[in-house]
């Protein structure tokens, strides 16, 4: 889940920690929900997946992005930086441990190579912003999706946003990786939620901790709880499985997830074939590649592999939609 490869304008909910979010409008069907939708991307995630598609959304705070391909070499940023945190002789250009994120370099950059990820916005402005497209929601059966990062790290904000949207009868959807406090979710967010897109990555807890940074027990428990609500028609839940070569797309892992879904009455789900765009994003934030599975690291997943993965779920009678 996440924005396009090019960074979009960033805005943020004003909370004590000043965590950031992104705002974008996408026209789609199942990618971010039904119809024409406004998608609000929150910054901050409790997971640290080695293949994260949105490295700009992992940290809760503001970040400086540098896109070397856009840089025209004018060096205005170096003159503007009070900390001398820009070194033109370095491949990365930004000396991250010296940068104080004053963003004065962004202000003078003429090419857009330097961007600030994360700004503040109050709830009134955010609600007004998404409701600018209320007519499109009504005409298409669309609405508002919150994504990330992990939007449920900021449940008070998500709950308030959704509550105010439901006053306008706007459809609400959450994309989540599943690691959240269920009691808080049940109290603050669930009453105003129509749909949950729930990502399940690895069935083995040790493997989940290795590749995603945390065990998966709470994630699976939360999934079982929201899926039980879906069976009672309280909300709609669409489980999703990102396919990462040799990690999440193995027969062993997918059979385990398929069994979990079958045991919990799931009859439809979505698979998300591997997308290599994260490789281009990492250097913009000084990130280091922690995952390499040969030449397939930089390639999209071939159809034959997608078909293999699809067959595992369909053998349990689960209808599969491929992103």
Protein backbone atom coordinates (compact mmCIF):
# COMPACT_ATOMS: atom_id res chain seq x y z
CA UNK A 1 0.00 0.00 0.00
CA UNK A 2 1.27 3.59 -0.88
CA UNK A 3 1.79 6.56 -3.12
CA UNK A 4 3.19 6.50 -6.60
CA UNK A 5 6.94 6.43 -7.18
CA UNK A 6 7.02 10.21 -7.39
CA UNK A 7 6.42 11.81 -4.00
CA UNK A 8 3.10 13.57 -3.57
CA UNK A 9 2.35 16.66 -1.49
CA UNK A 10 2.61 15.81 2.19
CA UNK A 11 0.35 17.03 4.96
CA UNK A 12 -0.02 15.85 8.54
CA UNK A 13 -2.40 15.60 11.45
CA UNK A 14 -1.36 17.82 14.35
CA UNK A 15 -0.88 15.48 17.32
CA UNK A 16 1.64 15.51 20.17
CA UNK A 17 4.21 13.59 18.13
CA UNK A 18 3.35 15.49 14.93
CA UNK A 19 3.27 12.35 12.83
CA UNK A 20 2.85 12.92 9.13
CA UNK A 21 0.45 11.77 6.48
CA UNK A 22 0.15 12.02 2.74
CA UNK A 23 -2.88 13.03 0.70
CA UNK A 24 -3.62 11.94 -2.83
CA UNK A 25 -6.64 11.25 -5.04
CA UNK A 26 -6.70 8.07 -7.07
CA UNK A 27 -9.31 6.66 -9.44
CA UNK A 28 -9.48 2.90 -9.08
CA UNK A 29 -11.61 -0.12 -8.25
CA UNK A 30 -9.92 -2.53 -5.85
CA UNK A 31 -6.46 -0.99 -5.41
CA UNK A 32 -7.50 1.48 -2.72
CA UNK A 33 -11.18 0.69 -2.56
CA UNK A 34 -14.28 1.01 -4.74
CA UNK A 35 -15.00 4.03 -6.89
CA UNK A 36 -13.20 7.36 -6.97
CA UNK A 37 -11.40 7.82 -3.66
CA UNK A 38 -9.35 10.28 -1.68
CA UNK A 39 -6.49 8.32 -0.13
CA UNK A 40 -4.87 9.71 3.02
CA UNK A 41 -1.42 8.21 3.61
CA UNK A 42 -0.26 8.40 7.22
CA UNK A 43 3.40 8.41 8.15
CA UNK A 44 4.66 5.96 10.76
CA UNK A 45 4.64 2.15 10.83
CA UNK A 46 5.39 -0.38 13.61
CA UNK A 47 6.69 -2.86 11.04
CA UNK A 48 9.97 -2.64 9.13
CA UNK A 49 9.39 -4.88 6.11
CA UNK A 50 12.59 -5.33 4.14
CA UNK A 51 10.70 -4.77 0.87
CA UNK A 52 8.63 -1.79 2.06
CA UNK A 53 7.02 -0.01 -0.88
CA UNK A 54 6.75 3.23 1.10
CA UNK A 55 10.03 3.87 2.94
CA UNK A 56 8.98 7.51 3.23
CA UNK A 57 6.13 6.38 5.50
CA UNK A 58 8.02 4.23 8.03
CA UNK A 59 9.17 7.04 10.32
CA UNK A 60 6.62 9.21 12.09
CA UNK A 61 8.65 12.40 11.80
CA UNK A 62 9.51 14.69 8.93
CA UNK A 63 12.09 13.55 6.39
CA UNK A 64 14.23 15.03 3.63
CA UNK A 65 14.02 13.37 0.24
CA UNK A 66 16.72 13.79 -2.40
CA UNK A 67 16.11 12.58 -5.94
CA UNK A 68 19.48 12.52 -7.72
CA UNK A 69 17.84 12.21 -11.14
CA UNK A 70 16.16 15.60 -10.74
CA UNK A 71 19.25 17.39 -9.44
CA UNK A 72 20.67 19.98 -11.89
CA UNK A 73 23.84 20.60 -9.89
CA UNK A 74 23.17 24.27 -9.14
CA UNK A 75 24.47 23.90 -5.53
CA UNK A 76 21.98 26.44 -4.18
CA UNK A 77 21.09 23.92 -1.49
CA UNK A 78 24.65 23.80 -0.22
CA UNK A 79 24.73 27.58 0.16
CA UNK A 80 21.42 27.53 2.03
CA UNK A 81 22.27 24.73 4.48
CA UNK A 82 23.32 26.19 7.88
CA UNK A 83 24.72 22.84 9.07
CA UNK A 84 26.89 22.12 6.01
CA UNK A 85 25.04 18.84 5.70
CA UNK A 86 25.30 18.72 1.91
CA UNK A 87 28.44 17.24 0.41
CA UNK A 88 28.54 17.36 -3.38
CA UNK A 89 31.48 14.94 -3.51
CA UNK A 90 29.40 12.24 -1.80
CA UNK A 91 27.18 9.92 -3.87
CA UNK A 92 24.30 10.48 -1.43
CA UNK A 93 24.87 14.26 -1.23
CA UNK A 94 23.04 14.51 2.13
CA UNK A 95 25.00 13.92 5.34
CA UNK A 96 22.05 12.56 7.27
CA UNK A 97 23.59 12.69 10.76
CA UNK A 98 24.30 16.42 10.34
CA UNK A 99 20.94 17.36 8.82
CA UNK A 100 18.58 19.07 11.31
CA UNK A 101 15.66 19.03 8.87
CA UNK A 102 15.28 22.79 8.70
CA UNK A 103 14.40 22.28 5.03
CA UNK A 104 16.03 25.51 3.93
CA UNK A 105 17.57 23.51 1.09
CA UNK A 106 14.08 22.58 -0.11
CA UNK A 107 13.06 26.22 -0.22
CA UNK A 108 15.83 27.11 -2.70
CA UNK A 109 15.88 23.94 -4.81
CA UNK A 110 14.70 24.94 -8.32
CA UNK A 111 14.29 21.42 -9.72
CA UNK A 112 12.31 19.69 -6.99
CA UNK A 113 15.15 17.26 -6.33
CA UNK A 114 14.88 18.09 -2.62
CA UNK A 115 11.49 17.60 -0.98
CA UNK A 116 10.11 17.67 2.53
CA UNK A 117 8.02 14.65 3.50
CA UNK A 118 5.57 15.62 6.20
CA UNK A 119 3.77 18.82 7.17
CA UNK A 120 1.06 19.65 9.69
CA UNK A 121 -2.65 20.11 9.13
CA UNK A 122 -5.55 20.34 11.55
CA UNK A 123 -8.58 18.09 11.29
CA UNK A 124 -10.94 20.77 9.99
CA UNK A 125 -8.71 21.41 7.01
CA UNK A 126 -8.21 17.72 6.32
CA UNK A 127 -11.95 17.05 6.33
CA UNK A 128 -12.56 20.03 4.06
CA UNK A 129 -9.82 18.79 1.74
CA UNK A 130 -11.23 15.30 1.23
CA UNK A 131 -14.81 16.54 0.98
CA UNK A 132 -13.87 18.67 -2.01
CA UNK A 133 -14.47 15.45 -3.95
CA UNK A 134 -17.74 14.51 -2.29
CA UNK A 135 -19.60 14.73 -5.59
CA UNK A 136 -17.21 12.21 -7.14
CA UNK A 137 -17.73 9.86 -4.19
CA UNK A 138 -21.50 10.01 -4.63
CA UNK A 139 -21.36 9.50 -8.40
CA UNK A 140 -18.95 6.53 -8.31
CA UNK A 141 -19.70 4.80 -5.01
CA UNK A 142 -16.30 5.89 -3.77
CA UNK A 143 -15.08 7.45 -0.55
CA UNK A 144 -12.02 7.94 1.62
CA UNK A 145 -9.25 5.44 2.31
CA UNK A 146 -6.60 5.77 5.02
CA UNK A 147 -3.30 4.06 4.39
CA UNK A 148 0.37 4.47 5.29
CA UNK A 149 2.65 3.56 6.83
CA UNK A 150 0.14 2.26 9.35
CA UNK A 151 -2.78 4.62 9.81
CA UNK A 152 -3.90 2.83 12.97
CA UNK A 153 -0.86 4.16 14.80
CA UNK A 154 -2.94 7.36 14.92
CA UNK A 155 -6.33 5.98 15.89
CA UNK A 156 -7.66 9.15 17.49
CA UNK A 157 -7.13 11.02 14.24
CA UNK A 158 -8.48 8.23 12.05
CA UNK A 159 -11.51 7.85 14.29
CA UNK A 160 -12.28 11.57 14.24
CA UNK A 161 -11.79 11.77 10.47
CA UNK A 162 -14.05 8.78 9.85
CA UNK A 163 -16.71 9.99 12.31
CA UNK A 164 -16.96 13.30 10.51
CA UNK A 165 -17.04 11.61 7.12
CA UNK A 166 -19.86 9.32 8.19
CA UNK A 167 -21.90 12.42 9.05
CA UNK A 168 -21.77 13.04 5.29
CA UNK A 169 -22.43 9.37 4.52
CA UNK A 170 -18.98 8.95 2.94
CA UNK A 171 -17.66 5.38 2.56
CA UNK A 172 -14.60 4.75 4.76
CA UNK A 173 -11.85 2.18 4.26
CA UNK A 174 -8.66 1.27 6.14
CA UNK A 175 -5.58 -0.37 4.66
CA UNK A 176 -3.71 -1.99 7.55
CA UNK A 177 -0.83 -4.34 8.28
CA UNK A 178 -2.77 -5.54 11.32
CA UNK A 179 -0.51 -4.53 14.22
CA UNK A 180 -2.72 -2.34 16.42
CA UNK A 181 -4.46 -2.32 19.79
CA UNK A 182 -7.80 -3.98 19.12
CA UNK A 183 -9.67 -2.54 22.12
CA UNK A 184 -8.72 0.99 21.10
CA UNK A 185 -9.65 0.24 17.49
CA UNK A 186 -12.99 -1.20 18.59
CA UNK A 187 -13.76 1.95 20.55
CA UNK A 188 -12.42 4.76 18.37
CA UNK A 189 -12.40 3.56 14.76
CA UNK A 190 -14.58 0.50 14.16
CA UNK A 191 -17.96 2.28 14.62
CA UNK A 192 -17.15 4.52 11.63
CA UNK A 193 -15.44 1.96 9.36
CA UNK A 194 -17.07 0.32 6.35
CA UNK A 195 -14.20 -1.74 4.93
CA UNK A 196 -10.79 -3.07 5.97
CA UNK A 197 -8.08 -4.16 3.55
CA UNK A 198 -5.99 -6.42 5.77
CA UNK A 199 -2.45 -7.40 4.75
CA UNK A 200 -1.09 -10.79 5.79
CA UNK A 201 2.54 -11.37 4.86
CA UNK A 202 4.05 -14.39 6.61
CA UNK A 203 2.35 -17.19 8.53
CA UNK A 204 5.48 -18.22 10.45
CA UNK A 205 6.09 -15.86 13.38
CA UNK A 206 9.88 -16.24 13.35
CA UNK A 207 10.01 -15.47 9.63
CA UNK A 208 7.70 -12.51 10.17
CA UNK A 209 10.04 -11.15 12.81
CA UNK A 210 13.04 -11.69 10.54
CA UNK A 211 11.60 -9.88 7.54
CA UNK A 212 9.07 -7.49 9.10
CA UNK A 213 10.73 -6.70 12.43
CA UNK A 214 8.02 -8.05 14.74
CA UNK A 215 6.27 -11.39 15.49
CA UNK A 216 2.84 -11.89 13.91
CA UNK A 217 0.73 -13.23 16.80
CA UNK A 218 -1.15 -9.97 17.37
CA UNK A 219 -1.62 -9.50 13.63
CA UNK A 220 -3.24 -12.91 13.24
CA UNK A 221 -5.39 -12.44 16.35
CA UNK A 222 -6.62 -9.07 15.09
CA UNK A 223 -7.36 -10.59 11.69
CA UNK A 224 -9.47 -13.33 13.26
CA UNK A 225 -11.45 -10.73 15.22
CA UNK A 226 -12.23 -8.44 12.28
CA UNK A 227 -12.98 -11.40 10.02
CA UNK A 228 -15.50 -12.66 12.58
CA UNK A 229 -17.19 -9.25 12.34
CA UNK A 230 -17.18 -9.55 8.55
CA UNK A 231 -19.04 -12.86 8.78
CA UNK A 232 -21.68 -11.04 10.83
CA UNK A 233 -21.86 -8.32 8.12
CA UNK A 234 -20.68 -5.65 10.57
CA UNK A 235 -17.87 -4.60 8.21
CA UNK A 236 -16.32 -5.78 4.96
CA UNK A 237 -12.84 -7.34 5.18
CA UNK A 238 -10.59 -8.06 2.21
CA UNK A 239 -7.43 -10.00 3.14
CA UNK A 240 -4.42 -9.20 0.96
CA UNK A 241 -1.12 -11.01 0.53
CA UNK A 242 1.92 -9.22 -0.94
CA UNK A 243 3.98 -11.64 -3.02
CA UNK A 244 7.71 -11.25 -2.46
CA UNK A 245 9.94 -13.78 -4.30
CA UNK A 246 11.38 -16.53 -2.10
CA UNK A 247 9.91 -14.93 1.05
CA UNK A 248 6.13 -14.57 1.05
CA UNK A 249 5.42 -16.35 -2.25
CA UNK A 250 6.65 -19.80 -1.18
CA UNK A 251 4.22 -22.72 -1.33
CA UNK A 252 4.71 -23.32 2.40
CA UNK A 253 3.85 -19.75 3.38
CA UNK A 254 0.91 -19.37 1.01
CA UNK A 255 -0.57 -22.73 2.01
CA UNK A 256 -0.36 -21.65 5.65
CA UNK A 257 -2.10 -18.34 4.95
CA UNK A 258 -4.70 -20.08 2.77
CA UNK A 259 -5.48 -22.50 5.61
CA UNK A 260 -5.88 -19.57 8.00
CA UNK A 261 -8.29 -17.86 5.63
CA UNK A 262 -10.27 -21.04 5.01
CA UNK A 263 -10.56 -21.69 8.76
CA UNK A 264 -11.93 -18.18 9.23
CA UNK A 265 -14.51 -18.30 6.48
CA UNK A 266 -12.79 -16.10 3.92
CA UNK A 267 -14.24 -16.51 0.42
CA UNK A 268 -12.42 -13.71 -1.40
CA UNK A 269 -9.02 -12.08 -1.12
CA UNK A 270 -6.42 -10.17 -3.08
CA UNK A 271 -2.82 -10.90 -4.00
CA UNK A 272 -0.33 -8.10 -4.58
CA UNK A 273 2.40 -9.21 -7.02
CA UNK A 274 5.92 -8.05 -6.26
CA UNK A 275 6.67 -4.48 -7.31
CA UNK A 276 10.31 -3.29 -7.45
CA UNK A 277 9.60 0.47 -7.19
CA UNK A 278 10.83 0.49 -3.59
CA UNK A 279 14.38 0.10 -4.89
CA UNK A 280 14.23 3.56 -6.49
CA UNK A 281 12.76 5.15 -3.38
CA UNK A 282 15.29 3.91 -0.82
CA UNK A 283 18.23 6.14 -1.82
CA UNK A 284 16.06 9.26 -1.58
CA UNK A 285 15.96 8.86 2.19
CA UNK A 286 19.43 7.47 2.73
CA UNK A 287 18.02 3.96 2.99
CA UNK A 288 20.12 0.84 2.57
CA UNK A 289 18.85 -2.18 0.64
CA UNK A 290 18.43 -5.09 3.05
CA UNK A 291 16.95 -7.56 0.63
CA UNK A 292 18.47 -9.21 -2.43
CA UNK A 293 17.15 -12.29 -4.19
CA UNK A 294 19.16 -12.01 -7.37
CA UNK A 295 17.93 -10.58 -10.62
CA UNK A 296 14.31 -10.97 -9.51
CA UNK A 297 14.86 -8.14 -7.01
CA UNK A 298 14.52 -5.58 -9.79
CA UNK A 299 11.79 -7.24 -11.83
CA UNK A 300 8.03 -7.45 -11.70
CA UNK A 301 6.57 -10.89 -10.99
CA UNK A 302 5.93 -13.05 -14.09
CA UNK A 303 2.41 -14.27 -14.81
CA UNK A 304 3.32 -17.92 -14.32
CA UNK A 305 4.31 -17.22 -10.70
CA UNK A 306 1.16 -15.22 -10.09
CA UNK A 307 -0.91 -18.11 -11.45
CA UNK A 308 0.89 -20.56 -9.14
CA UNK A 309 0.15 -18.42 -6.11
CA UNK A 310 -3.47 -17.87 -7.14
CA UNK A 311 -4.06 -21.61 -7.50
CA UNK A 312 -3.08 -22.22 -3.86
CA UNK A 313 -5.92 -20.05 -2.58
CA UNK A 314 -8.46 -21.09 -5.17
CA UNK A 315 -7.89 -24.73 -4.19
CA UNK A 316 -9.56 -23.79 -0.87
CA UNK A 317 -12.51 -22.22 -2.66
CA UNK A 318 -11.23 -18.66 -2.13
CA UNK A 319 -11.79 -16.28 -5.03
CA UNK A 320 -8.61 -14.33 -5.80
CA UNK A 321 -8.35 -10.85 -7.24
CA UNK A 322 -4.92 -9.89 -8.53
CA UNK A 323 -3.88 -6.24 -8.11
